[in-house]
PDB file of N, CA and C in Angstrom:
ATOM      1  N   MET A   1       0.863  -1.171   0.000  1.00  0.00           N
ATOM      2  CA  MET A   1       0.000   0.000   0.000  1.00  0.00           C
ATOM      3  C   MET A   1       0.909   1.233   0.000  1.00  0.00           C
ATOM      4  N   ALA A   2       0.835   2.014  -1.031  1.00  0.00           N
ATOM      5  CA  ALA A   2       1.685   3.188  -1.175  1.00  0.00           C
ATOM      6  C   ALA A   2       1.126   4.361  -0.379  1.00  0.00           C
ATOM      7  N   LEU A   3       2.028   5.162   0.149  1.00  0.00           N
ATOM      8  CA  LEU A   3       1.604   6.357   0.875  1.00  0.00           C
ATOM      9  C   LEU A   3       1.638   7.565  -0.046  1.00  0.00           C
ATOM     10  N   ASP A   4       0.674   8.430   0.113  1.00  0.00           N
ATOM     11  CA  ASP A   4       0.619   9.667  -0.651  1.00  0.00           C
ATOM     12  C   ASP A   4       1.536  10.674   0.038  1.00  0.00           C
ATOM     13  N   ILE A   5       2.470  11.242  -0.693  1.00  0.00           N
ATOM     14  CA  ILE A   5       3.430  12.174  -0.104  1.00  0.00           C
ATOM     15  C   ILE A   5       2.737  13.411   0.450  1.00  0.00           C
ATOM     16  N   LEU A   6       1.678  13.859  -0.212  1.00  0.00           N
ATOM     17  CA  LEU A   6       1.014  15.095   0.194  1.00  0.00           C
ATOM     18  C   LEU A   6      -0.099  14.891   1.216  1.00  0.00           C
ATOM     19  N   GLY A   7      -0.400  13.661   1.570  1.00  0.00           N
ATOM     20  CA  GLY A   7      -1.509  13.415   2.492  1.00  0.00           C
ATOM     21  C   GLY A   7      -1.068  12.642   3.718  1.00  0.00           C
ATOM     22  N   PRO A   8      -1.838  12.731   4.812  1.00  0.00           N
ATOM     23  CA  PRO A   8      -1.437  12.097   6.058  1.00  0.00           C
ATOM     24  C   PRO A   8      -1.820  10.629   6.164  1.00  0.00           C
ATOM     25  N   PHE A   9      -2.579  10.051   5.205  1.00  0.00           N
ATOM     26  CA  PHE A   9      -2.970   8.653   5.297  1.00  0.00           C
ATOM     27  C   PHE A   9      -2.877   7.999   3.933  1.00  0.00           C
ATOM     28  N   PRO A  10      -2.923   6.661   3.892  1.00  0.00           N
ATOM     29  CA  PRO A  10      -2.717   5.944   2.629  1.00  0.00           C
ATOM     30  C   PRO A  10      -3.695   6.367   1.535  1.00  0.00           C
ATOM     31  N   VAL A  11      -3.244   6.217   0.298  1.00  0.00           N
ATOM     32  CA  VAL A  11      -4.031   6.630  -0.865  1.00  0.00           C
ATOM     33  C   VAL A  11      -5.363   5.890  -0.905  1.00  0.00           C
ATOM     34  N   THR A  12      -5.364   4.598  -0.594  1.00  0.00           N
ATOM     35  CA  THR A  12      -6.611   3.830  -0.659  1.00  0.00           C
ATOM     36  C   THR A  12      -7.618   4.353   0.346  1.00  0.00           C
ATOM     37  N   THR A  13      -7.167   4.718   1.514  1.00  0.00           N
ATOM     38  CA  THR A  13      -8.064   5.270   2.526  1.00  0.00           C
ATOM     39  C   THR A  13      -8.600   6.617   2.070  1.00  0.00           C
ATOM     40  N   LYS A  14      -7.743   7.433   1.463  1.00  0.00           N
ATOM     41  CA  LYS A  14      -8.182   8.739   0.979  1.00  0.00           C
ATOM     42  C   LYS A  14      -9.254   8.573  -0.093  1.00  0.00           C
ATOM     43  N   GLY A  15      -9.098   7.582  -0.952  1.00  0.00           N
ATOM     44  CA  GLY A  15     -10.101   7.322  -1.975  1.00  0.00           C
ATOM     45  C   GLY A  15     -11.434   6.931  -1.372  1.00  0.00           C
ATOM     46  N   ASN A  16     -11.401   6.124  -0.321  1.00  0.00           N
ATOM     47  CA  ASN A  16     -12.648   5.718   0.338  1.00  0.00           C
ATOM     48  C   ASN A  16     -13.320   6.894   1.017  1.00  0.00           C
ATOM     49  N   ARG A  17     -12.554   7.788   1.582  1.00  0.00           N
ATOM     50  CA  ARG A  17     -13.135   8.913   2.308  1.00  0.00           C
ATOM     51  C   ARG A  17     -13.602  10.031   1.386  1.00  0.00           C
ATOM     52  N   SER A  18     -13.198   9.976   0.127  1.00  0.00           N
ATOM     53  CA  SER A  18     -13.590  11.044  -0.789  1.00  0.00           C
ATOM     54  C   SER A  18     -14.644  10.592  -1.797  1.00  0.00           C
ATOM     55  N   ALA A  19     -15.155   9.375  -1.660  1.00  0.00           N
ATOM     56  CA  ALA A  19     -16.189   8.863  -2.565  1.00  0.00           C
ATOM     57  C   ALA A  19     -17.566   9.054  -1.935  1.00  0.00           C
ATOM     58  N   ASP A  20     -18.537   9.488  -2.747  1.00  0.00           N
ATOM     59  CA  ASP A  20     -19.901   9.680  -2.249  1.00  0.00           C
ATOM     60  C   ASP A  20     -20.508   8.350  -1.823  1.00  0.00           C
ATOM     61  N   HIS A  21     -21.184   8.359  -0.682  1.00  0.00           N
ATOM     62  CA  HIS A  21     -21.892   7.177  -0.201  1.00  0.00           C
ATOM     63  C   HIS A  21     -23.212   7.064  -0.940  1.00  0.00           C
ATOM     64  N   GLU A  22     -23.595   5.844  -1.280  1.00  0.00           N
ATOM     65  CA  GLU A  22     -24.802   5.622  -2.087  1.00  0.00           C
ATOM     66  C   GLU A  22     -26.059   6.123  -1.391  1.00  0.00           C
ATOM     67  N   VAL A  23     -26.174   5.909  -0.089  1.00  0.00           N
ATOM     68  CA  VAL A  23     -27.399   6.264   0.627  1.00  0.00           C
ATOM     69  C   VAL A  23     -27.401   7.724   1.046  1.00  0.00           C
ATOM     70  N   THR A  24     -26.329   8.179   1.696  1.00  0.00           N
ATOM     71  CA  THR A  24     -26.330   9.537   2.242  1.00  0.00           C
ATOM     72  C   THR A  24     -26.114  10.594   1.177  1.00  0.00           C
ATOM     73  N   GLY A  25     -25.371  10.247   0.121  1.00  0.00           N
ATOM     74  CA  GLY A  25     -25.063  11.220  -0.916  1.00  0.00           C
ATOM     75  C   GLY A  25     -23.882  12.108  -0.563  1.00  0.00           C
ATOM     76  N   PHE A  26     -23.253  11.848   0.572  1.00  0.00           N
ATOM     77  CA  PHE A  26     -22.098  12.627   1.020  1.00  0.00           C
ATOM     78  C   PHE A  26     -20.889  11.717   1.163  1.00  0.00           C
ATOM     79  N   THR A  27     -19.721  12.324   1.126  1.00  0.00           N
ATOM     80  CA  THR A  27     -18.512  11.562   1.402  1.00  0.00           C
ATOM     81  C   THR A  27     -18.336  11.452   2.910  1.00  0.00           C
ATOM     82  N   PRO A  28     -17.610  10.426   3.377  1.00  0.00           N
ATOM     83  CA  PRO A  28     -17.320  10.362   4.807  1.00  0.00           C
ATOM     84  C   PRO A  28     -16.586  11.605   5.303  1.00  0.00           C
ATOM     85  N   ALA A  29     -15.754  12.192   4.458  1.00  0.00           N
ATOM     86  CA  ALA A  29     -15.051  13.418   4.851  1.00  0.00           C
ATOM     87  C   ALA A  29     -16.033  14.567   5.050  1.00  0.00           C
ATOM     88  N   ASP A  30     -17.053  14.668   4.188  1.00  0.00           N
ATOM     89  CA  ASP A  30     -18.086  15.694   4.365  1.00  0.00           C
ATOM     90  C   ASP A  30     -18.790  15.518   5.700  1.00  0.00           C
ATOM     91  N   MET A  31     -19.091  14.273   6.035  1.00  0.00           N
ATOM     92  CA  MET A  31     -19.814  13.990   7.275  1.00  0.00           C
ATOM     93  C   MET A  31     -18.955  14.274   8.504  1.00  0.00           C
ATOM     94  N   LEU A  32     -17.652  14.025   8.395  1.00  0.00           N
ATOM     95  CA  LEU A  32     -16.765  14.169   9.546  1.00  0.00           C
ATOM     96  C   LEU A  32     -16.166  15.563   9.665  1.00  0.00           C
ATOM     97  N   PHE A  33     -15.701  16.114   8.547  1.00  0.00           N
ATOM     98  CA  PHE A  33     -14.983  17.389   8.579  1.00  0.00           C
ATOM     99  C   PHE A  33     -15.817  18.575   8.108  1.00  0.00           C
ATOM    100  N   GLY A  34     -16.960  18.325   7.491  1.00  0.00           N
ATOM    101  CA  GLY A  34     -17.793  19.404   6.986  1.00  0.00           C
ATOM    102  C   GLY A  34     -17.291  19.995   5.686  1.00  0.00           C
ATOM    103  N   ARG A  35     -16.389  19.305   5.012  1.00  0.00           N
ATOM    104  CA  ARG A  35     -15.871  19.773   3.727  1.00  0.00           C
ATOM    105  C   ARG A  35     -15.307  18.581   2.973  1.00  0.00           C
ATOM    106  N   THR A  36     -15.085  18.760   1.679  1.00  0.00           N
ATOM    107  CA  THR A  36     -14.490  17.686   0.894  1.00  0.00           C
ATOM    108  C   THR A  36     -12.983  17.695   1.077  1.00  0.00           C
ATOM    109  N   LEU A  37     -12.384  16.529   0.916  1.00  0.00           N
ATOM    110  CA  LEU A  37     -10.934  16.436   1.034  1.00  0.00           C
ATOM    111  C   LEU A  37     -10.272  17.077  -0.177  1.00  0.00           C
ATOM    112  N   ARG A  38      -9.127  17.657   0.056  1.00  0.00           N
ATOM    113  CA  ARG A  38      -8.350  18.208  -1.052  1.00  0.00           C
ATOM    114  C   ARG A  38      -7.395  17.141  -1.542  1.00  0.00           C
ATOM    115  N   MET A  39      -7.485  16.845  -2.814  1.00  0.00           N
ATOM    116  CA  MET A  39      -6.608  15.862  -3.437  1.00  0.00           C
ATOM    117  C   MET A  39      -5.346  16.568  -3.924  1.00  0.00           C
ATOM    118  N   PRO A  40      -4.294  15.807  -4.207  1.00  0.00           N
ATOM    119  CA  PRO A  40      -3.063  16.440  -4.692  1.00  0.00           C
ATOM    120  C   PRO A  40      -3.285  17.315  -5.918  1.00  0.00           C
ATOM    121  N   CYS A  41      -4.156  16.886  -6.835  1.00  0.00           N
ATOM    122  CA  CYS A  41      -4.402  17.710  -8.028  1.00  0.00           C
ATOM    123  C   CYS A  41      -5.091  19.019  -7.641  1.00  0.00           C
ATOM    124  N   ASP A  42      -5.915  19.010  -6.581  1.00  0.00           N
ATOM    125  CA  ASP A  42      -6.550  20.241  -6.113  1.00  0.00           C
ATOM    126  C   ASP A  42      -5.513  21.204  -5.553  1.00  0.00           C
ATOM    127  N   ILE A  43      -4.542  20.670  -4.868  1.00  0.00           N
ATOM    128  CA  ILE A  43      -3.501  21.510  -4.274  1.00  0.00           C
ATOM    129  C   ILE A  43      -2.697  22.202  -5.369  1.00  0.00           C
ATOM    130  N   PHE A  44      -2.435  21.488  -6.473  1.00  0.00           N
ATOM    131  CA  PHE A  44      -1.628  22.054  -7.547  1.00  0.00           C
ATOM    132  C   PHE A  44      -2.409  22.983  -8.467  1.00  0.00           C
ATOM    133  N   PHE A  45      -3.687  22.685  -8.740  1.00  0.00           N
ATOM    134  CA  PHE A  45      -4.403  23.390  -9.788  1.00  0.00           C
ATOM    135  C   PHE A  45      -5.533  24.297  -9.324  1.00  0.00           C
ATOM    136  N   VAL A  46      -5.989  24.180  -8.093  1.00  0.00           N
ATOM    137  CA  VAL A  46      -7.115  24.983  -7.620  1.00  0.00           C
ATOM    138  C   VAL A  46      -6.605  26.021  -6.632  1.00  0.00           C
ATOM    139  N   ARG A  47      -7.024  27.265  -6.858  1.00  0.00           N
ATOM    140  CA  ARG A  47      -6.612  28.340  -5.948  1.00  0.00           C
ATOM    141  C   ARG A  47      -7.405  28.256  -4.654  1.00  0.00           C
ATOM    142  N   PRO A  48      -6.760  28.492  -3.528  1.00  0.00           N
ATOM    143  CA  PRO A  48      -7.513  28.537  -2.273  1.00  0.00           C
ATOM    144  C   PRO A  48      -8.442  29.744  -2.268  1.00  0.00           C
ATOM    145  N   SER A  49      -9.522  29.643  -1.522  1.00  0.00           N
ATOM    146  CA  SER A  49     -10.476  30.754  -1.506  1.00  0.00           C
ATOM    147  C   SER A  49      -9.862  31.954  -0.792  1.00  0.00           C
ATOM    148  N   ASP A  50     -10.235  33.132  -1.251  1.00  0.00           N
ATOM    149  CA  ASP A  50      -9.698  34.358  -0.672  1.00  0.00           C
ATOM    150  C   ASP A  50     -10.527  34.846   0.511  1.00  0.00           C
ATOM    151  N   THR A  51     -11.632  34.159   0.794  1.00  0.00           N
ATOM    152  CA  THR A  51     -12.480  34.600   1.897  1.00  0.00           C
ATOM    153  C   THR A  51     -11.874  34.150   3.215  1.00  0.00           C
ATOM    154  N   SER A  52     -11.585  35.116   4.042  1.00  0.00           N
ATOM    155  CA  SER A  52     -11.065  34.790   5.366  1.00  0.00           C
ATOM    156  C   SER A  52     -12.142  35.121   6.387  1.00  0.00           C
ATOM    157  N   SER A  53     -12.167  34.364   7.450  1.00  0.00           N
ATOM    158  CA  SER A  53     -13.167  34.596   8.481  1.00  0.00           C
ATOM    159  C   SER A  53     -12.510  34.466   9.845  1.00  0.00           C
ATOM    160  N   SER A  54     -13.161  35.019  10.822  1.00  0.00           N
ATOM    161  CA  SER A  54     -12.645  34.913  12.182  1.00  0.00           C
ATOM    162  C   SER A  54     -12.851  33.481  12.662  1.00  0.00           C
ATOM    163  N   PRO A  55     -12.104  33.054  13.662  1.00  0.00           N
ATOM    164  CA  PRO A  55     -12.285  31.692  14.183  1.00  0.00           C
ATOM    165  C   PRO A  55     -13.716  31.424  14.650  1.00  0.00           C
ATOM    166  N   ASN A  56     -14.343  32.403  15.290  1.00  0.00           N
ATOM    167  CA  ASN A  56     -15.721  32.208  15.748  1.00  0.00           C
ATOM    168  C   ASN A  56     -16.681  32.040  14.573  1.00  0.00           C
ATOM    169  N   GLU A  57     -16.487  32.857  13.537  1.00  0.00           N
ATOM    170  CA  GLU A  57     -17.347  32.760  12.353  1.00  0.00           C
ATOM    171  C   GLU A  57     -17.152  31.410  11.664  1.00  0.00           C
ATOM    172  N   TYR A  58     -15.889  30.975  11.569  1.00  0.00           N
ATOM    173  CA  TYR A  58     -15.597  29.679  10.959  1.00  0.00           C
ATOM    174  C   TYR A  58     -16.281  28.553  11.738  1.00  0.00           C
ATOM    175  N   LEU A  59     -16.182  28.579  13.066  1.00  0.00           N
ATOM    176  CA  LEU A  59     -16.806  27.542  13.890  1.00  0.00           C
ATOM    177  C   LEU A  59     -18.324  27.542  13.745  1.00  0.00           C
ATOM    178  N   ASN A  60     -18.926  28.728  13.709  1.00  0.00           N
ATOM    179  CA  ASN A  60     -20.377  28.809  13.525  1.00  0.00           C
ATOM    180  C   ASN A  60     -20.798  28.236  12.171  1.00  0.00           C
ATOM    181  N   ASN A  61     -20.046  28.585  11.116  1.00  0.00           N
ATOM    182  CA  ASN A  61     -20.347  28.057   9.782  1.00  0.00           C
ATOM    183  C   ASN A  61     -20.156  26.542   9.734  1.00  0.00           C
ATOM    184  N   LEU A  62     -19.079  26.059  10.356  1.00  0.00           N
ATOM    185  CA  LEU A  62     -18.805  24.626  10.375  1.00  0.00           C
ATOM    186  C   LEU A  62     -19.906  23.873  11.111  1.00  0.00           C
ATOM    187  N   GLU A  63     -20.318  24.394  12.252  1.00  0.00           N
ATOM    188  CA  GLU A  63     -21.379  23.750  13.028  1.00  0.00           C
ATOM    189  C   GLU A  63     -22.686  23.695  12.235  1.00  0.00           C
ATOM    190  N   ALA A  64     -23.029  24.790  11.576  1.00  0.00           N
ATOM    191  CA  ALA A  64     -24.253  24.822  10.769  1.00  0.00           C
ATOM    192  C   ALA A  64     -24.162  23.846   9.602  1.00  0.00           C
ATOM    193  N   ARG A  65     -22.988  23.794   8.946  1.00  0.00           N
ATOM    194  CA  ARG A  65     -22.783  22.874   7.827  1.00  0.00           C
ATOM    195  C   ARG A  65     -22.918  21.422   8.284  1.00  0.00           C
ATOM    196  N   LEU A  66     -22.277  21.088   9.407  1.00  0.00           N
ATOM    197  CA  LEU A  66     -22.338  19.715   9.906  1.00  0.00           C
ATOM    198  C   LEU A  66     -23.756  19.329  10.315  1.00  0.00           C
ATOM    199  N   GLU A  67     -24.469  20.246  10.959  1.00  0.00           N
ATOM    200  CA  GLU A  67     -25.851  19.947  11.356  1.00  0.00           C
ATOM    201  C   GLU A  67     -26.734  19.694  10.138  1.00  0.00           C
ATOM    202  N   SER A  68     -26.582  20.511   9.100  1.00  0.00           N
ATOM    203  CA  SER A  68     -27.418  20.323   7.909  1.00  0.00           C
ATOM    204  C   SER A  68     -27.051  19.037   7.170  1.00  0.00           C
ATOM    205  N   VAL A  69     -25.761  18.735   7.076  1.00  0.00           N
ATOM    206  CA  VAL A  69     -25.329  17.502   6.411  1.00  0.00           C
ATOM    207  C   VAL A  69     -25.854  16.286   7.162  1.00  0.00           C
ATOM    208  N   HIS A  70     -25.729  16.292   8.482  1.00  0.00           N
ATOM    209  CA  HIS A  70     -26.175  15.146   9.274  1.00  0.00           C
ATOM    210  C   HIS A  70     -27.692  14.992   9.234  1.00  0.00           C
ATOM    211  N   ALA A  71     -28.427  16.091   9.270  1.00  0.00           N
ATOM    212  CA  ALA A  71     -29.888  16.008   9.191  1.00  0.00           C
ATOM    213  C   ALA A  71     -30.324  15.437   7.840  1.00  0.00           C
ATOM    214  N   PHE A  72     -29.703  15.907   6.770  1.00  0.00           N
ATOM    215  CA  PHE A  72     -30.032  15.408   5.437  1.00  0.00           C
ATOM    216  C   PHE A  72     -29.687  13.924   5.316  1.00  0.00           C
ATOM    217  N   ALA A  73     -28.522  13.532   5.844  1.00  0.00           N
ATOM    218  CA  ALA A  73     -28.102  12.128   5.782  1.00  0.00           C
ATOM    219  C   ALA A  73     -29.050  11.240   6.590  1.00  0.00           C
ATOM    220  N   ARG A  74     -29.491  11.708   7.754  1.00  0.00           N
ATOM    221  CA  ARG A  74     -30.441  10.925   8.554  1.00  0.00           C
ATOM    222  C   ARG A  74     -31.737  10.684   7.782  1.00  0.00           C
ATOM    223  N   GLU A  75     -32.232  11.710   7.101  1.00  0.00           N
ATOM    224  CA  GLU A  75     -33.458  11.560   6.311  1.00  0.00           C
ATOM    225  C   GLU A  75     -33.254  10.567   5.166  1.00  0.00           C
ATOM    226  N   ARG A  76     -32.118  10.664   4.487  1.00  0.00           N
ATOM    227  CA  ARG A  76     -31.834   9.745   3.382  1.00  0.00           C
ATOM    228  C   ARG A  76     -31.723   8.309   3.877  1.00  0.00           C
ATOM    229  N   ILE A  77     -31.129   8.119   5.056  1.00  0.00           N
ATOM    230  CA  ILE A  77     -31.000   6.769   5.614  1.00  0.00           C
ATOM    231  C   ILE A  77     -32.376   6.215   5.971  1.00  0.00           C
ATOM    232  N   LYS A  78     -33.240   7.063   6.539  1.00  0.00           N
ATOM    233  CA  LYS A  78     -34.604   6.612   6.864  1.00  0.00           C
ATOM    234  C   LYS A  78     -35.353   6.200   5.603  1.00  0.00           C
ATOM    235  N   LEU A  79     -35.179   6.949   4.522  1.00  0.00           N
ATOM    236  CA  LEU A  79     -35.860   6.623   3.268  1.00  0.00           C
ATOM    237  C   LEU A  79     -35.295   5.353   2.626  1.00  0.00           C
ATOM    238  N   ALA A  80     -33.996   5.126   2.770  1.00  0.00           N
ATOM    239  CA  ALA A  80     -33.358   3.979   2.130  1.00  0.00           C
ATOM    240  C   ALA A  80     -33.494   2.699   2.945  1.00  0.00           C
ATOM    241  N   SER A  81     -33.805   2.816   4.217  1.00  0.00           N
ATOM    242  CA  SER A  81     -33.856   1.644   5.087  1.00  0.00           C
ATOM    243  C   SER A  81     -34.848   0.579   4.625  1.00  0.00           C
ATOM    244  N   PRO A  82     -36.088   0.922   4.274  1.00  0.00           N
ATOM    245  CA  PRO A  82     -37.007  -0.131   3.792  1.00  0.00           C
ATOM    246  C   PRO A  82     -36.516  -0.813   2.515  1.00  0.00           C
ATOM    247  N   ARG A  83     -35.906  -0.043   1.619  1.00  0.00           N
ATOM    248  CA  ARG A  83     -35.377  -0.631   0.379  1.00  0.00           C
ATOM    249  C   ARG A  83     -34.239  -1.593   0.686  1.00  0.00           C
ATOM    250  N   MET A  84     -33.348  -1.216   1.615  1.00  0.00           N
ATOM    251  CA  MET A  84     -32.245  -2.102   1.978  1.00  0.00           C
ATOM    252  C   MET A  84     -32.767  -3.382   2.627  1.00  0.00           C
ATOM    253  N   LYS A  85     -33.814  -3.264   3.462  1.00  0.00           N
ATOM    254  CA  LYS A  85     -34.400  -4.440   4.100  1.00  0.00           C
ATOM    255  C   LYS A  85     -35.013  -5.360   3.056  1.00  0.00           C
ATOM    256  N   THR A  86     -35.707  -4.790   2.080  1.00  0.00           N
ATOM    257  CA  THR A  86     -36.315  -5.594   1.021  1.00  0.00           C
ATOM    258  C   THR A  86     -35.246  -6.336   0.227  1.00  0.00           C
ATOM    259  N   LEU A  87     -34.161  -5.642  -0.122  1.00  0.00           N
ATOM    260  CA  LEU A  87     -33.076  -6.290  -0.860  1.00  0.00           C
ATOM    261  C   LEU A  87     -32.440  -7.404  -0.037  1.00  0.00           C
ATOM    262  N   TYR A  88     -32.272  -7.174   1.252  1.00  0.00           N
ATOM    263  CA  TYR A  88     -31.689  -8.199   2.119  1.00  0.00           C
ATOM    264  C   TYR A  88     -32.626  -9.398   2.211  1.00  0.00           C
ATOM    265  N   ASP A  89     -33.911  -9.139   2.411  1.00  0.00           N
ATOM    266  CA  ASP A  89     -34.881 -10.221   2.562  1.00  0.00           C
ATOM    267  C   ASP A  89     -35.000 -11.065   1.293  1.00  0.00           C
ATOM    268  N   CYS A  90     -34.814 -10.453   0.126  1.00  0.00           N
ATOM    269  CA  CYS A  90     -34.867 -11.213  -1.129  1.00  0.00           C
ATOM    270  C   CYS A  90     -33.741 -12.238  -1.198  1.00  0.00           C
ATOM    271  N   GLY A  91     -32.594 -11.893  -0.655  1.00  0.00           N
ATOM    272  CA  GLY A  91     -31.452 -12.801  -0.689  1.00  0.00           C
ATOM    273  C   GLY A  91     -31.446 -13.806   0.446  1.00  0.00           C
ATOM    274  N   ALA A  92     -32.226 -13.559   1.478  1.00  0.00           N
ATOM    275  CA  ALA A  92     -32.264 -14.476   2.611  1.00  0.00           C
ATOM    276  C   ALA A  92     -33.124 -15.682   2.249  1.00  0.00           C
ATOM    277  N   ALA A  93     -32.598 -16.858   2.518  1.00  0.00           N
ATOM    278  CA  ALA A  93     -33.331 -18.080   2.191  1.00  0.00           C
ATOM    279  C   ALA A  93     -34.313 -18.408   3.313  1.00  0.00           C
ATOM    280  N   ASN A  94     -35.503 -18.797   2.928  1.00  0.00           N
ATOM    281  CA  ASN A  94     -36.517 -19.189   3.895  1.00  0.00           C
ATOM    282  C   ASN A  94     -36.646 -20.710   3.822  1.00  0.00           C
ATOM    283  N   HIS A  95     -35.882 -21.405   4.658  1.00  0.00           N
ATOM    284  CA  HIS A  95     -35.862 -22.864   4.630  1.00  0.00           C
ATOM    285  C   HIS A  95     -37.006 -23.419   5.470  1.00  0.00           C
ATOM    286  N   HIS A  96     -37.743 -24.325   4.879  1.00  0.00           N
ATOM    287  CA  HIS A  96     -38.823 -24.991   5.609  1.00  0.00           C
ATOM    288  C   HIS A  96     -38.334 -26.394   5.953  1.00  0.00           C
ATOM    289  N   LEU A  97     -37.743 -26.535   7.112  1.00  0.00           N
ATOM    290  CA  LEU A  97     -37.232 -27.827   7.550  1.00  0.00           C
ATOM    291  C   LEU A  97     -38.090 -28.349   8.691  1.00  0.00           C
ATOM    292  N   ASN A  98     -38.281 -29.625   8.670  1.00  0.00           N
ATOM    293  CA  ASN A  98     -39.026 -30.281   9.737  1.00  0.00           C
ATOM    294  C   ASN A  98     -38.110 -31.257  10.458  1.00  0.00           C
ATOM    295  N   VAL A  99     -38.467 -31.608  11.652  1.00  0.00           N
ATOM    296  CA  VAL A  99     -37.696 -32.578  12.418  1.00  0.00           C
ATOM    297  C   VAL A  99     -37.710 -33.896  11.653  1.00  0.00           C
ATOM    298  N   GLY A 100     -36.509 -34.456  11.447  1.00  0.00           N
ATOM    299  CA  GLY A 100     -36.384 -35.728  10.743  1.00  0.00           C
ATOM    300  C   GLY A 100     -36.020 -35.575   9.279  1.00  0.00           C
ATOM    301  N   ASP A 101     -36.054 -34.360   8.716  1.00  0.00           N
ATOM    302  CA  ASP A 101     -35.659 -34.149   7.320  1.00  0.00           C
ATOM    303  C   ASP A 101     -34.166 -34.391   7.169  1.00  0.00           C
ATOM    304  N   GLN A 102     -33.784 -34.977   6.027  1.00  0.00           N
ATOM    305  CA  GLN A 102     -32.371 -35.190   5.760  1.00  0.00           C
ATOM    306  C   GLN A 102     -31.794 -33.928   5.128  1.00  0.00           C
ATOM    307  N   VAL A 103     -30.614 -33.531   5.607  1.00  0.00           N
ATOM    308  CA  VAL A 103     -29.953 -32.324   5.112  1.00  0.00           C
ATOM    309  C   VAL A 103     -28.480 -32.612   4.891  1.00  0.00           C
ATOM    310  N   TRP A 104     -27.851 -31.804   4.046  1.00  0.00           N
ATOM    311  CA  TRP A 104     -26.412 -31.873   3.861  1.00  0.00           C
ATOM    312  C   TRP A 104     -25.759 -31.009   4.928  1.00  0.00           C
ATOM    313  N   ILE A 105     -24.613 -31.464   5.430  1.00  0.00           N
ATOM    314  CA  ILE A 105     -23.852 -30.684   6.414  1.00  0.00           C
ATOM    315  C   ILE A 105     -22.583 -30.203   5.730  1.00  0.00           C
ATOM    316  N   TYR A 106     -22.360 -28.910   5.761  1.00  0.00           N
ATOM    317  CA  TYR A 106     -21.151 -28.312   5.182  1.00  0.00           C
ATOM    318  C   TYR A 106     -20.073 -28.302   6.254  1.00  0.00           C
ATOM    319  N   ASN A 107     -18.961 -28.993   5.987  1.00  0.00           N
ATOM    320  CA  ASN A 107     -17.894 -29.106   6.975  1.00  0.00           C
ATOM    321  C   ASN A 107     -16.551 -28.877   6.279  1.00  0.00           C
ATOM    322  N   PRO A 108     -16.173 -27.615   6.020  1.00  0.00           N
ATOM    323  CA  PRO A 108     -14.895 -27.353   5.340  1.00  0.00           C
ATOM    324  C   PRO A 108     -13.712 -27.654   6.257  1.00  0.00           C
ATOM    325  N   LYS A 109     -12.653 -28.175   5.659  1.00  0.00           N
ATOM    326  CA  LYS A 109     -11.452 -28.483   6.456  1.00  0.00           C
ATOM    327  C   LYS A 109     -10.256 -27.782   5.908  1.00  0.00           C
TER     328      LYS A 109
END
């Protein structure tokens, strides 16, 4: 597993944290940090924003951003939960076994 010179954690982990989640629609970094991760190409080609704010203003904005992201994600999870249960139930086998039925026993060695 190669390490990214410009980032504090392995490249594979960075890829997982910067990919949108199917249900929430947000990246794990959005949910945790309140912003998207900066990739090496962003550091080289994208200018940082010129808007500066006081620490208190930044914290207030961050708190509001995190609250809205988490509220939206909670709603999306509630909406997706019945669909996920249906998909799981379709794959679950409903075996009708009675006492005395002959069955195969799986015994890997």
